[in-house]
C-alpha atoms as a PDB file:
ATOM      1  CA  UNK A   1     -10.396  -4.422  17.535  1.00  0.00           C
ATOM      2  CA  UNK A   2      -6.690  -3.925  16.909  1.00  0.00           C
ATOM      3  CA  UNK A   3      -5.133  -1.328  14.604  1.00  0.00           C
ATOM      4  CA  UNK A   4      -2.063  -2.419  12.652  1.00  0.00           C
ATOM      5  CA  UNK A   5       0.489   0.179  11.495  1.00  0.00           C
ATOM      6  CA  UNK A   6       2.897  -0.628   8.671  1.00  0.00           C
ATOM      7  CA  UNK A   7       5.552   2.027   8.045  1.00  0.00           C
ATOM      8  CA  UNK A   8       7.923   2.719   5.158  1.00  0.00           C
ATOM      9  CA  UNK A   9       7.051  -0.283   2.989  1.00  0.00           C
ATOM     10  CA  UNK A  10       9.536   0.148   0.164  1.00  0.00           C
ATOM     11  CA  UNK A  11       8.501  -0.702  -3.394  1.00  0.00           C
ATOM     12  CA  UNK A  12      10.029   0.168  -6.752  1.00  0.00           C
ATOM     13  CA  UNK A  13       7.644   1.319  -9.452  1.00  0.00           C
ATOM     14  CA  UNK A  14       7.355   3.216 -12.715  1.00  0.00           C
ATOM     15  CA  UNK A  15       4.707   5.769 -11.778  1.00  0.00           C
ATOM     16  CA  UNK A  16       4.912   9.508 -12.340  1.00  0.00           C
ATOM     17  CA  UNK A  17       4.063  12.349 -14.662  1.00  0.00           C
ATOM     18  CA  UNK A  18       7.562  12.789 -16.046  1.00  0.00           C
ATOM     19  CA  UNK A  19       9.024  10.476 -18.691  1.00  0.00           C
ATOM     20  CA  UNK A  20      12.152   9.887 -16.595  1.00  0.00           C
ATOM     21  CA  UNK A  21      10.023   8.551 -13.700  1.00  0.00           C
ATOM     22  CA  UNK A  22       8.113   6.197 -15.987  1.00  0.00           C
ATOM     23  CA  UNK A  23      11.213   4.993 -17.838  1.00  0.00           C
ATOM     24  CA  UNK A  24      13.716   4.510 -15.009  1.00  0.00           C
ATOM     25  CA  UNK A  25      11.347   4.060 -12.060  1.00  0.00           C
ATOM     26  CA  UNK A  26      11.789   5.149  -8.477  1.00  0.00           C
ATOM     27  CA  UNK A  27      11.265   4.049  -4.900  1.00  0.00           C
ATOM     28  CA  UNK A  28       7.922   4.561  -3.208  1.00  0.00           C
ATOM     29  CA  UNK A  29       7.373   4.348   0.544  1.00  0.00           C
ATOM     30  CA  UNK A  30       3.962   3.305   1.767  1.00  0.00           C
ATOM     31  CA  UNK A  31       2.456   3.769   5.235  1.00  0.00           C
ATOM     32  CA  UNK A  32      -0.729   1.949   6.112  1.00  0.00           C
ATOM     33  CA  UNK A  33      -2.883   1.838   9.240  1.00  0.00           C
ATOM     34  CA  UNK A  34      -5.734  -0.626   9.194  1.00  0.00           C
ATOM     35  CA  UNK A  35      -8.103  -2.634  11.306  1.00  0.00           C
ATOM     36  CA  UNK A  36      -9.516  -6.037  10.585  1.00  0.00           C
ATOM     37  CA  UNK A  37     -11.397  -8.744  12.359  1.00  0.00           C
ATOM     38  CA  UNK A  38     -10.066 -12.164  13.080  1.00  0.00           C
ATOM     39  CA  UNK A  39     -11.317 -14.984  10.937  1.00  0.00           C
ATOM     40  CA  UNK A  40     -14.969 -15.342  11.917  1.00  0.00           C
ATOM     41  CA  UNK A  41     -14.816 -19.139  11.796  1.00  0.00           C
ATOM     42  CA  UNK A  42     -12.056 -19.501  14.393  1.00  0.00           C
ATOM     43  CA  UNK A  43     -11.966 -19.296  18.159  1.00  0.00           C
ATOM     44  CA  UNK A  44     -11.221 -15.617  18.993  1.00  0.00           C
ATOM     45  CA  UNK A  45      -8.743 -16.441  21.770  1.00  0.00           C
ATOM     46  CA  UNK A  46      -6.385 -18.362  19.470  1.00  0.00           C
ATOM     47  CA  UNK A  47      -2.703 -17.383  19.392  1.00  0.00           C
ATOM     48  CA  UNK A  48      -1.897 -18.637  15.879  1.00  0.00           C
ATOM     49  CA  UNK A  49      -1.010 -16.716  12.721  1.00  0.00           C
ATOM     50  CA  UNK A  50      -3.364 -19.030  10.844  1.00  0.00           C
ATOM     51  CA  UNK A  51      -6.339 -17.254  12.377  1.00  0.00           C
ATOM     52  CA  UNK A  52      -5.545 -13.629  11.570  1.00  0.00           C
ATOM     53  CA  UNK A  53      -4.629 -11.556   8.552  1.00  0.00           C
ATOM     54  CA  UNK A  54      -0.853 -11.889   8.290  1.00  0.00           C
ATOM     55  CA  UNK A  55       0.631  -8.417   7.834  1.00  0.00           C
ATOM     56  CA  UNK A  56       3.380  -9.989   5.709  1.00  0.00           C
ATOM     57  CA  UNK A  57       0.641 -10.808   3.182  1.00  0.00           C
ATOM     58  CA  UNK A  58      -0.522  -7.188   3.287  1.00  0.00           C
ATOM     59  CA  UNK A  59       3.022  -5.992   2.574  1.00  0.00           C
ATOM     60  CA  UNK A  60       3.381  -8.415  -0.344  1.00  0.00           C
ATOM     61  CA  UNK A  61       0.095  -7.261  -1.888  1.00  0.00           C
ATOM     62  CA  UNK A  62       1.118  -3.606  -1.586  1.00  0.00           C
ATOM     63  CA  UNK A  63       4.470  -4.287  -3.253  1.00  0.00           C
ATOM     64  CA  UNK A  64       2.810  -6.306  -6.011  1.00  0.00           C
ATOM     65  CA  UNK A  65       0.436  -3.426  -6.741  1.00  0.00           C
ATOM     66  CA  UNK A  66       3.091  -0.676  -6.684  1.00  0.00           C
ATOM     67  CA  UNK A  67       5.656  -2.676  -8.647  1.00  0.00           C
ATOM     68  CA  UNK A  68       2.989  -3.548 -11.262  1.00  0.00           C
ATOM     69  CA  UNK A  69       4.728  -6.809 -12.109  1.00  0.00           C
ATOM     70  CA  UNK A  70       1.437  -8.495 -12.938  1.00  0.00           C
ATOM     71  CA  UNK A  71      -0.020  -7.514 -16.306  1.00  0.00           C
ATOM     72  CA  UNK A  72      -3.287  -6.673 -14.555  1.00  0.00           C
ATOM     73  CA  UNK A  73      -1.703  -3.649 -12.884  1.00  0.00           C
ATOM     74  CA  UNK A  74      -1.014  -0.326 -14.540  1.00  0.00           C
ATOM     75  CA  UNK A  75       1.388   2.557 -14.276  1.00  0.00           C
ATOM     76  CA  UNK A  76      -0.022   5.746 -12.785  1.00  0.00           C
ATOM     77  CA  UNK A  77       0.730   9.349 -13.590  1.00  0.00           C
ATOM     78  CA  UNK A  78      -0.612  10.751 -10.290  1.00  0.00           C
ATOM     79  CA  UNK A  79       0.081   9.652  -6.714  1.00  0.00           C
ATOM     80  CA  UNK A  80      -3.458  10.762  -5.873  1.00  0.00           C
ATOM     81  CA  UNK A  81      -4.933   8.151  -8.222  1.00  0.00           C
ATOM     82  CA  UNK A  82      -2.386   5.524  -7.184  1.00  0.00           C
ATOM     83  CA  UNK A  83      -3.331   5.860  -3.500  1.00  0.00           C
ATOM     84  CA  UNK A  84      -7.069   5.699  -4.342  1.00  0.00           C
ATOM     85  CA  UNK A  85      -6.721   2.551  -6.446  1.00  0.00           C
ATOM     86  CA  UNK A  86      -4.370   0.873  -3.968  1.00  0.00           C
ATOM     87  CA  UNK A  87      -6.972   1.483  -1.266  1.00  0.00           C
ATOM     88  CA  UNK A  88      -9.704  -0.138  -3.380  1.00  0.00           C
ATOM     89  CA  UNK A  89      -7.444  -3.073  -4.192  1.00  0.00           C
ATOM     90  CA  UNK A  90      -6.607  -3.721  -0.531  1.00  0.00           C
ATOM     91  CA  UNK A  91     -10.294  -3.642   0.445  1.00  0.00           C
ATOM     92  CA  UNK A  92     -11.087  -6.191  -2.262  1.00  0.00           C
ATOM     93  CA  UNK A  93      -8.122  -8.450  -1.495  1.00  0.00           C
ATOM     94  CA  UNK A  94      -8.879  -8.677   2.222  1.00  0.00           C
ATOM     95  CA  UNK A  95     -12.674  -8.486   2.259  1.00  0.00           C
ATOM     96  CA  UNK A  96     -12.899 -11.771   4.192  1.00  0.00           C
ATOM     97  CA  UNK A  97     -11.215 -10.024   7.130  1.00  0.00           C
ATOM     98  CA  UNK A  98     -13.447  -6.957   7.166  1.00  0.00           C
ATOM     99  CA  UNK A  99     -10.332  -4.955   6.297  1.00  0.00           C
ATOM    100  CA  UNK A 100     -10.671  -1.211   6.874  1.00  0.00           C
ATOM    101  CA  UNK A 101      -8.005   1.366   6.058  1.00  0.00           C
ATOM    102  CA  UNK A 102      -7.556   4.140   8.601  1.00  0.00           C
ATOM    103  CA  UNK A 103      -4.689   5.849   6.790  1.00  0.00           C
ATOM    104  CA  UNK A 104      -2.850   5.120   3.553  1.00  0.00           C
ATOM    105  CA  UNK A 105       0.014   7.256   2.278  1.00  0.00           C
ATOM    106  CA  UNK A 106       2.555   7.060  -0.504  1.00  0.00           C
ATOM    107  CA  UNK A 107       5.810   9.011  -0.454  1.00  0.00           C
ATOM    108  CA  UNK A 108       8.421   9.474  -3.143  1.00  0.00           C
ATOM    109  CA  UNK A 109      11.604  11.527  -3.275  1.00  0.00           C
ATOM    110  CA  UNK A 110      12.077  13.939  -6.155  1.00  0.00           C
ATOM    111  CA  UNK A 111      14.862  16.271  -7.175  1.00  0.00           C
ATOM    112  CA  UNK A 112      13.788  19.917  -7.265  1.00  0.00           C
ATOM    113  CA  UNK A 113      16.484  22.376  -8.325  1.00  0.00           C
ATOM    114  CA  UNK A 114      19.215  19.977  -7.224  1.00  0.00           C
ATOM    115  CA  UNK A 115      17.666  19.280  -3.810  1.00  0.00           C
ATOM    116  CA  UNK A 116      15.889  16.152  -2.711  1.00  0.00           C
ATOM    117  CA  UNK A 117      12.300  16.718  -1.664  1.00  0.00           C
ATOM    118  CA  UNK A 118       9.826  14.231  -0.213  1.00  0.00           C
ATOM    119  CA  UNK A 119       6.373  14.255  -1.784  1.00  0.00           C
ATOM    120  CA  UNK A 120       3.609  12.559   0.190  1.00  0.00           C
ATOM    121  CA  UNK A 121      -0.010  11.860  -0.693  1.00  0.00           C
ATOM    122  CA  UNK A 122      -2.160  10.688   2.201  1.00  0.00           C
ATOM    123  CA  UNK A 123      -5.691   9.355   2.321  1.00  0.00           C
ATOM    124  CA  UNK A 124      -7.378   9.454   5.727  1.00  0.00           C
ATOM    125  CA  UNK A 125     -10.496   7.418   6.466  1.00  0.00           C
END
């Protein structure tokens, strides 16, 4: 089994406790490590993107969730809840590939007393 690592997926969203974060939005940076199996109906030695989970699709799904452009997605107050629900969403979206998260983290940059500070919430499996 192969582990895929996606780093610093950038998405703009309107999540946060403070009104300014929810009104003006901010950048979020997502790291994801996952494993998955190849399509069970295809020859395992194939060298074609058609027979594996395309990580570009994973990136698009993450951005769609964070950006909440679809009316089915919501804005979150807490990064802790956002990371939990993103995890559940990814599992559901890629269930046909036996998708398993190994690590999922969301980082944002906030201004604390005039200094930029990275805030990171990480879920380890």
